[in-house]
Every structure is written in structure tokens, then in C-alpha cells.
PDB file of all heavy atoms in Angstrom:
ATOM      1  N   ILE A   1      58.875 108.645  63.375  1.00  0.00           N
ATOM      2  CA  ILE A   1      58.454 108.331  62.006  1.00  0.00           C
ATOM      3  C   ILE A   1      58.246 109.591  61.173  1.00  0.00           C
ATOM      4  O   ILE A   1      58.663 109.663  60.003  1.00  0.00           O
ATOM      5  CB  ILE A   1      57.157 107.485  62.025  1.00  0.00           C
ATOM      6  CG1 ILE A   1      57.442 106.088  62.593  1.00  0.00           C
ATOM      7  CG2 ILE A   1      56.560 107.363  60.620  1.00  0.00           C
ATOM      8  CD1 ILE A   1      56.205 105.240  62.778  1.00  0.00           C
ATOM      9  N   ILE A   2      57.630 110.622  61.765  1.00  0.00           N
ATOM     10  CA  ILE A   2      57.333 111.830  60.982  1.00  0.00           C
ATOM     11  C   ILE A   2      58.496 112.827  60.966  1.00  0.00           C
ATOM     12  O   ILE A   2      58.391 113.905  60.382  1.00  0.00           O
ATOM     13  CB  ILE A   2      56.051 112.532  61.480  1.00  0.00           C
ATOM     14  CG1 ILE A   2      56.227 113.046  62.927  1.00  0.00           C
ATOM     15  CG2 ILE A   2      54.855 111.609  61.377  1.00  0.00           C
ATOM     16  CD1 ILE A   2      55.007 113.807  63.454  1.00  0.00           C
ATOM     17  N   GLY A   3      59.605 112.459  61.628  1.00  0.00           N
ATOM     18  CA  GLY A   3      60.822 113.257  61.511  1.00  0.00           C
ATOM     19  C   GLY A   3      61.035 114.335  62.548  1.00  0.00           C
ATOM     20  O   GLY A   3      61.885 115.214  62.362  1.00  0.00           O
ATOM     21  N   LEU A   4      60.280 114.297  63.653  1.00  0.00           N
ATOM     22  CA  LEU A   4      60.517 115.286  64.717  1.00  0.00           C
ATOM     23  C   LEU A   4      61.834 115.018  65.439  1.00  0.00           C
ATOM     24  O   LEU A   4      62.423 115.925  66.039  1.00  0.00           O
ATOM     25  CB  LEU A   4      59.358 115.271  65.717  1.00  0.00           C
ATOM     26  CG  LEU A   4      58.053 115.915  65.244  1.00  0.00           C
ATOM     27  CD1 LEU A   4      56.941 115.698  66.254  1.00  0.00           C
ATOM     28  CD2 LEU A   4      58.250 117.398  64.967  1.00  0.00           C
ATOM     29  N   THR A   5      62.281 113.778  65.408  1.00  0.00           N
ATOM     30  CA  THR A   5      63.603 113.416  65.926  1.00  0.00           C
ATOM     31  C   THR A   5      64.048 112.180  65.161  1.00  0.00           C
ATOM     32  O   THR A   5      63.353 111.702  64.260  1.00  0.00           O
ATOM     33  CB  THR A   5      63.577 113.171  67.441  1.00  0.00           C
ATOM     34  OG1 THR A   5      64.920 112.990  67.922  1.00  0.00           O
ATOM     35  CG2 THR A   5      62.746 111.957  67.809  1.00  0.00           C
ATOM     36  N   SER A   6      65.209 111.642  65.535  1.00  0.00           N
ATOM     37  CA  SER A   6      65.740 110.468  64.820  1.00  0.00           C
ATOM     38  C   SER A   6      66.053 109.354  65.806  1.00  0.00           C
ATOM     39  O   SER A   6      66.260 109.607  67.003  1.00  0.00           O
ATOM     40  CB  SER A   6      67.024 110.849  64.077  1.00  0.00           C
ATOM     41  OG  SER A   6      68.051 111.180  65.011  1.00  0.00           O
ATOM     42  N   PRO A   7      66.109 108.107  65.344  1.00  0.00           N
ATOM     43  CA  PRO A   7      66.481 107.001  66.240  1.00  0.00           C
ATOM     44  C   PRO A   7      67.867 107.202  66.861  1.00  0.00           C
ATOM     45  O   PRO A   7      68.092 106.819  68.010  1.00  0.00           O
ATOM     46  CB  PRO A   7      66.473 105.775  65.313  1.00  0.00           C
ATOM     47  CG  PRO A   7      65.556 106.139  64.200  1.00  0.00           C
ATOM     48  CD  PRO A   7      65.743 107.620  63.997  1.00  0.00           C
ATOM     49  N   GLU A   8      68.769 107.815  66.109  1.00  0.00           N
ATOM     50  CA  GLU A   8      70.118 108.046  66.621  1.00  0.00           C
ATOM     51  C   GLU A   8      70.107 109.003  67.820  1.00  0.00           C
ATOM     52  O   GLU A   8      70.823 108.802  68.795  1.00  0.00           O
ATOM     53  CB  GLU A   8      71.022 108.612  65.518  1.00  0.00           C
ATOM     54  CG  GLU A   8      71.330 107.652  64.379  1.00  0.00           C
ATOM     55  CD  GLU A   8      70.173 107.471  63.420  1.00  0.00           C
ATOM     56  OE1 GLU A   8      69.237 108.322  63.418  1.00  0.00           O
ATOM     57  OE2 GLU A   8      70.176 106.468  62.677  1.00  0.00           O
ATOM     58  N   THR A   9      69.276 110.057  67.723  1.00  0.00           N
ATOM     59  CA  THR A   9      69.192 111.016  68.830  1.00  0.00           C
ATOM     60  C   THR A   9      68.569 110.377  70.057  1.00  0.00           C
ATOM     61  O   THR A   9      69.027 110.612  71.185  1.00  0.00           O
ATOM     62  CB  THR A   9      68.360 112.246  68.418  1.00  0.00           C
ATOM     63  OG1 THR A   9      68.861 112.776  67.205  1.00  0.00           O
ATOM     64  CG2 THR A   9      68.412 113.315  69.495  1.00  0.00           C
ATOM     65  N   VAL A  10      67.547 109.561  69.859  1.00  0.00           N
ATOM     66  CA  VAL A  10      66.918 108.854  70.982  1.00  0.00           C
ATOM     67  C   VAL A  10      67.942 107.943  71.655  1.00  0.00           C
ATOM     68  O   VAL A  10      68.048 107.908  72.888  1.00  0.00           O
ATOM     69  CB  VAL A  10      65.699 108.040  70.498  1.00  0.00           C
ATOM     70  CG1 VAL A  10      65.135 107.197  71.644  1.00  0.00           C
ATOM     71  CG2 VAL A  10      64.629 108.962  69.941  1.00  0.00           C
ATOM     72  N   TYR A  11      68.699 107.222  70.838  1.00  0.00           N
ATOM     73  CA  TYR A  11      69.726 106.326  71.385  1.00  0.00           C
ATOM     74  C   TYR A  11      70.778 107.118  72.152  1.00  0.00           C
ATOM     75  O   TYR A  11      71.209 106.722  73.244  1.00  0.00           O
ATOM     76  CB  TYR A  11      70.383 105.530  70.258  1.00  0.00           C
ATOM     77  CG  TYR A  11      71.532 104.666  70.731  1.00  0.00           C
ATOM     78  CD1 TYR A  11      71.306 103.487  71.435  1.00  0.00           C
ATOM     79  CD2 TYR A  11      72.850 105.038  70.482  1.00  0.00           C
ATOM     80  CE1 TYR A  11      72.355 102.705  71.876  1.00  0.00           C
ATOM     81  CE2 TYR A  11      73.910 104.263  70.918  1.00  0.00           C
ATOM     82  CZ  TYR A  11      73.666 103.094  71.610  1.00  0.00           C
ATOM     83  OH  TYR A  11      74.712 102.327  72.055  1.00  0.00           O
ATOM     84  N   HIS A  12      71.174 108.267  71.592  1.00  0.00           N
ATOM     85  CA  HIS A  12      72.174 109.109  72.259  1.00  0.00           C
ATOM     86  C   HIS A  12      71.665 109.586  73.620  1.00  0.00           C
ATOM     87  O   HIS A  12      72.409 109.578  74.608  1.00  0.00           O
ATOM     88  CB  HIS A  12      72.507 110.316  71.379  1.00  0.00           C
ATOM     89  CG  HIS A  12      73.388 111.323  72.054  1.00  0.00           C
ATOM     90  ND1 HIS A  12      74.727 111.113  72.302  1.00  0.00           N
ATOM     91  CD2 HIS A  12      73.101 112.556  72.568  1.00  0.00           C
ATOM     92  CE1 HIS A  12      75.231 112.161  72.928  1.00  0.00           C
ATOM     93  NE2 HIS A  12      74.274 113.044  73.096  1.00  0.00           N
ATOM     94  N   GLU A  13      70.397 109.989  73.694  1.00  0.00           N
ATOM     95  CA  GLU A  13      69.817 110.443  74.961  1.00  0.00           C
ATOM     96  C   GLU A  13      69.793 109.308  75.991  1.00  0.00           C
ATOM     97  O   GLU A  13      70.096 109.515  77.164  1.00  0.00           O
ATOM     98  CB  GLU A  13      68.397 110.973  74.735  1.00  0.00           C
ATOM     99  CG  GLU A  13      68.325 112.298  74.013  1.00  0.00           C
ATOM    100  CD  GLU A  13      68.904 113.445  74.821  1.00  0.00           C
ATOM    101  OE1 GLU A  13      68.864 113.389  76.061  1.00  0.00           O
ATOM    102  OE2 GLU A  13      69.399 114.401  74.203  1.00  0.00           O
ATOM    103  N   ALA A  14      69.405 108.098  75.538  1.00  0.00           N
ATOM    104  CA  ALA A  14      69.368 106.952  76.444  1.00  0.00           C
ATOM    105  C   ALA A  14      70.771 106.585  76.909  1.00  0.00           C
ATOM    106  O   ALA A  14      70.996 106.290  78.092  1.00  0.00           O
ATOM    107  CB  ALA A  14      68.698 105.764  75.764  1.00  0.00           C
ATOM    108  N   LEU A  15      71.724 106.618  75.982  1.00  0.00           N
ATOM    109  CA  LEU A  15      73.108 106.266  76.328  1.00  0.00           C
ATOM    110  C   LEU A  15      73.700 107.268  77.306  1.00  0.00           C
ATOM    111  O   LEU A  15      74.408 106.898  78.261  1.00  0.00           O
ATOM    112  CB  LEU A  15      73.947 106.211  75.048  1.00  0.00           C
ATOM    113  CG  LEU A  15      75.387 105.699  75.202  1.00  0.00           C
ATOM    114  CD1 LEU A  15      75.376 104.253  75.701  1.00  0.00           C
ATOM    115  CD2 LEU A  15      76.132 105.800  73.875  1.00  0.00           C
ATOM    116  N   LYS A  16      73.377 108.540  77.105  1.00  0.00           N
ATOM    117  CA  LYS A  16      73.886 109.602  77.991  1.00  0.00           C
ATOM    118  C   LYS A  16      73.379 109.414  79.415  1.00  0.00           C
ATOM    119  O   LYS A  16      74.060 109.765  80.381  1.00  0.00           O
ATOM    120  CB  LYS A  16      73.448 110.970  77.440  1.00  0.00           C
ATOM    121  CG  LYS A  16      74.014 112.153  78.191  1.00  0.00           C
ATOM    122  CD  LYS A  16      73.663 113.458  77.509  1.00  0.00           C
ATOM    123  CE  LYS A  16      72.201 113.781  77.629  1.00  0.00           C
ATOM    124  NZ  LYS A  16      71.858 115.143  77.141  1.00  0.00           N
ATOM    125  N   ASN A  17      72.189 108.839  79.538  1.00  0.00           N
ATOM    126  CA  ASN A  17      71.587 108.641  80.858  1.00  0.00           C
ATOM    127  C   ASN A  17      71.590 107.166  81.276  1.00  0.00           C
ATOM    128  O   ASN A  17      70.733 106.725  82.035  1.00  0.00           O
ATOM    129  CB  ASN A  17      70.150 109.172  80.840  1.00  0.00           C
ATOM    130  CG  ASN A  17      70.101 110.669  80.637  1.00  0.00           C
ATOM    131  OD1 ASN A  17      70.481 111.441  81.511  1.00  0.00           O
ATOM    132  ND2 ASN A  17      69.632 111.094  79.470  1.00  0.00           N
ATOM    133  N   PHE A  18      72.586 106.450  80.793  1.00  0.00           N
ATOM    134  CA  PHE A  18      72.650 105.007  81.066  1.00  0.00           C
ATOM    135  C   PHE A  18      72.760 104.708  82.556  1.00  0.00           C
ATOM    136  O   PHE A  18      72.220 103.711  83.050  1.00  0.00           O
ATOM    137  CB  PHE A  18      73.845 104.399  80.321  1.00  0.00           C
ATOM    138  CG  PHE A  18      73.953 102.910  80.473  1.00  0.00           C
ATOM    139  CD1 PHE A  18      72.947 102.076  79.998  1.00  0.00           C
ATOM    140  CD2 PHE A  18      75.058 102.334  81.082  1.00  0.00           C
ATOM    141  CE1 PHE A  18      73.039 100.699  80.134  1.00  0.00           C
ATOM    142  CE2 PHE A  18      75.152 100.968  81.227  1.00  0.00           C
ATOM    143  CZ  PHE A  18      74.147 100.138  80.751  1.00  0.00           C
ATOM    144  N   GLU A  19      73.427 105.592  83.299  1.00  0.00           N
ATOM    145  CA  GLU A  19      73.573 105.360  84.739  1.00  0.00           C
ATOM    146  C   GLU A  19      72.215 105.377  85.442  1.00  0.00           C
ATOM    147  O   GLU A  19      71.976 104.620  86.388  1.00  0.00           O
ATOM    148  CB  GLU A  19      74.496 106.415  85.365  1.00  0.00           C
ATOM    149  CG  GLU A  19      74.868 106.096  86.804  1.00  0.00           C
ATOM    150  CD  GLU A  19      75.891 107.049  87.387  1.00  0.00           C
ATOM    151  OE1 GLU A  19      76.273 108.017  86.689  1.00  0.00           O
ATOM    152  OE2 GLU A  19      76.312 106.835  88.535  1.00  0.00           O
ATOM    153  N   VAL A  20      71.298 106.230  84.957  1.00  0.00           N
ATOM    154  CA  VAL A  20      69.956 106.279  85.538  1.00  0.00           C
ATOM    155  C   VAL A  20      69.193 104.992  85.218  1.00  0.00           C
ATOM    156  O   VAL A  20      68.475 104.451  86.060  1.00  0.00           O
ATOM    157  CB  VAL A  20      69.180 107.496  85.005  1.00  0.00           C
ATOM    158  CG1 VAL A  20      67.818 107.602  85.670  1.00  0.00           C
ATOM    159  CG2 VAL A  20      69.977 108.778  85.213  1.00  0.00           C
ATOM    160  N   ILE A  21      69.383 104.488  84.001  1.00  0.00           N
ATOM    161  CA  ILE A  21      68.738 103.237  83.617  1.00  0.00           C
ATOM    162  C   ILE A  21      69.251 102.089  84.479  1.00  0.00           C
ATOM    163  O   ILE A  21      68.483 101.243  84.952  1.00  0.00           O
ATOM    164  CB  ILE A  21      68.973 102.958  82.110  1.00  0.00           C
ATOM    165  CG1 ILE A  21      68.272 104.036  81.278  1.00  0.00           C
ATOM    166  CG2 ILE A  21      68.484 101.573  81.721  1.00  0.00           C
ATOM    167  CD1 ILE A  21      68.566 103.972  79.787  1.00  0.00           C
ATOM    168  N   LEU A  22      70.554 102.060  84.719  1.00  0.00           N
ATOM    169  CA  LEU A  22      71.128 101.036  85.602  1.00  0.00           C
ATOM    170  C   LEU A  22      70.566 101.147  87.015  1.00  0.00           C
ATOM    171  O   LEU A  22      70.306 100.136  87.676  1.00  0.00           O
ATOM    172  CB  LEU A  22      72.654 101.165  85.656  1.00  0.00           C
ATOM    173  CG  LEU A  22      73.459 100.548  84.514  1.00  0.00           C
ATOM    174  CD1 LEU A  22      74.951 100.706  84.795  1.00  0.00           C
ATOM    175  CD2 LEU A  22      73.129  99.082  84.327  1.00  0.00           C
ATOM    176  N   LEU A  23      70.391 102.397  87.475  1.00  0.00           N
ATOM    177  CA  LEU A  23      69.808 102.608  88.806  1.00  0.00           C
ATOM    178  C   LEU A  23      68.431 101.935  88.893  1.00  0.00           C
ATOM    179  O   LEU A  23      68.152 101.198  89.840  1.00  0.00           O
ATOM    180  CB  LEU A  23      69.670 104.111  89.074  1.00  0.00           C
ATOM    181  CG  LEU A  23      68.729 104.513  90.224  1.00  0.00           C
ATOM    182  CD1 LEU A  23      69.363 104.190  91.564  1.00  0.00           C
ATOM    183  CD2 LEU A  23      68.366 105.981  90.151  1.00  0.00           C
ATOM    184  N   LEU A  24      67.597 102.191  87.910  1.00  0.00           N
ATOM    185  CA  LEU A  24      66.239 101.654  87.955  1.00  0.00           C
ATOM    186  C   LEU A  24      66.234 100.131  87.861  1.00  0.00           C
ATOM    187  O   LEU A  24      65.463  99.455  88.540  1.00  0.00           O
ATOM    188  CB  LEU A  24      65.409 102.248  86.823  1.00  0.00           C
ATOM    189  CG  LEU A  24      65.016 103.715  87.002  1.00  0.00           C
ATOM    190  CD1 LEU A  24      64.357 104.243  85.739  1.00  0.00           C
ATOM    191  CD2 LEU A  24      64.079 103.884  88.184  1.00  0.00           C
ATOM    192  N   ILE A  25      67.087  99.589  87.023  1.00  0.00           N
ATOM    193  CA  ILE A  25      67.084  98.135  86.839  1.00  0.00           C
ATOM    194  C   ILE A  25      67.630  97.415  88.069  1.00  0.00           C
ATOM    195  O   ILE A  25      66.990  96.507  88.613  1.00  0.00           O
ATOM    196  CB  ILE A  25      67.908  97.749  85.595  1.00  0.00           C
ATOM    197  CG1 ILE A  25      67.251  98.304  84.325  1.00  0.00           C
ATOM    198  CG2 ILE A  25      68.050  96.232  85.489  1.00  0.00           C
ATOM    199  CD1 ILE A  25      68.073  98.098  83.069  1.00  0.00           C
ATOM    200  N   PHE A  26      68.797  97.809  88.526  1.00  0.00           N
ATOM    201  CA  PHE A  26      69.489  97.028  89.555  1.00  0.00           C
ATOM    202  C   PHE A  26      69.206  97.483  90.987  1.00  0.00           C
ATOM    203  O   PHE A  26      69.090  96.656  91.893  1.00  0.00           O
ATOM    204  CB  PHE A  26      71.001  97.036  89.305  1.00  0.00           C
ATOM    205  CG  PHE A  26      71.406  96.269  88.085  1.00  0.00           C
ATOM    206  CD1 PHE A  26      72.247  96.820  87.141  1.00  0.00           C
ATOM    207  CD2 PHE A  26      70.926  94.990  87.860  1.00  0.00           C
ATOM    208  CE1 PHE A  26      72.623  96.119  86.005  1.00  0.00           C
ATOM    209  CE2 PHE A  26      71.287  94.267  86.731  1.00  0.00           C
ATOM    210  CZ  PHE A  26      72.135  94.839  85.802  1.00  0.00           C
ATOM    211  N   MET A  27      69.099  98.812  91.203  1.00  0.00           N
ATOM    212  CA  MET A  27      68.866  99.265  92.577  1.00  0.00           C
ATOM    213  C   MET A  27      67.472  98.878  93.052  1.00  0.00           C
ATOM    214  O   MET A  27      67.291  98.380  94.172  1.00  0.00           O
ATOM    215  CB  MET A  27      69.066 100.777  92.683  1.00  0.00           C
ATOM    216  CG  MET A  27      68.979 101.301  94.114  1.00  0.00           C
ATOM    217  SD  MET A  27      70.269 100.613  95.196  1.00  0.00           S
ATOM    218  CE  MET A  27      71.660 101.635  94.725  1.00  0.00           C
ATOM    219  N   VAL A  28      66.470  99.089  92.221  1.00  0.00           N
ATOM    220  CA  VAL A  28      65.100  98.735  92.603  1.00  0.00           C
ATOM    221  C   VAL A  28      65.001  97.230  92.842  1.00  0.00           C
ATOM    222  O   VAL A  28      64.389  96.773  93.812  1.00  0.00           O
ATOM    223  CB  VAL A  28      64.101  99.175  91.513  1.00  0.00           C
ATOM    224  CG1 VAL A  28      62.694  98.691  91.849  1.00  0.00           C
ATOM    225  CG2 VAL A  28      64.113 100.695  91.380  1.00  0.00           C
ATOM    226  N   ALA A  29      65.618  96.446  91.960  1.00  0.00           N
ATOM    227  CA  ALA A  29      65.598  94.993  92.129  1.00  0.00           C
ATOM    228  C   ALA A  29      66.356  94.582  93.395  1.00  0.00           C
ATOM    229  O   ALA A  29      65.944  93.656  94.108  1.00  0.00           O
ATOM    230  CB  ALA A  29      66.209  94.313  90.909  1.00  0.00           C
ATOM    231  N   GLY A  30      67.468  95.263  93.674  1.00  0.00           N
ATOM    232  CA  GLY A  30      68.234  94.938  94.868  1.00  0.00           C
ATOM    233  C   GLY A  30      67.452  95.170  96.142  1.00  0.00           C
ATOM    234  O   GLY A  30      67.465  94.347  97.067  1.00  0.00           O
ATOM    235  N   ILE A  31      66.721  96.279  96.192  1.00  0.00           N
ATOM    236  CA  ILE A  31      65.938  96.593  97.386  1.00  0.00           C
ATOM    237  C   ILE A  31      64.781  95.616  97.552  1.00  0.00           C
ATOM    238  O   ILE A  31      64.322  95.365  98.666  1.00  0.00           O
ATOM    239  CB  ILE A  31      65.424  98.052  97.312  1.00  0.00           C
ATOM    240  CG1 ILE A  31      66.577  99.018  97.101  1.00  0.00           C
ATOM    241  CG2 ILE A  31      64.662  98.424  98.578  1.00  0.00           C
ATOM    242  CD1 ILE A  31      67.743  98.833  98.044  1.00  0.00           C
TER     243      ILE A  31
END
């Protein structure tokens, strides 16, 4: 909100690490 970063940059960081997000969602649930 105060401009230290932007929603686009946050989205880019999350998208870049999407494989890690998939790991947490599916691997943990699988185990």
C-alpha cells in the first residue's frame, strides 16, 4: 500500500517459485 513494492512484483515472485508452492500443497497432502 505504501509503495515499498507492487502487486505485480509480488505475483512475479510467487509465480517464479510456483514449483515450491506445488510442493507444499501436493507433497505434504500426499504424505
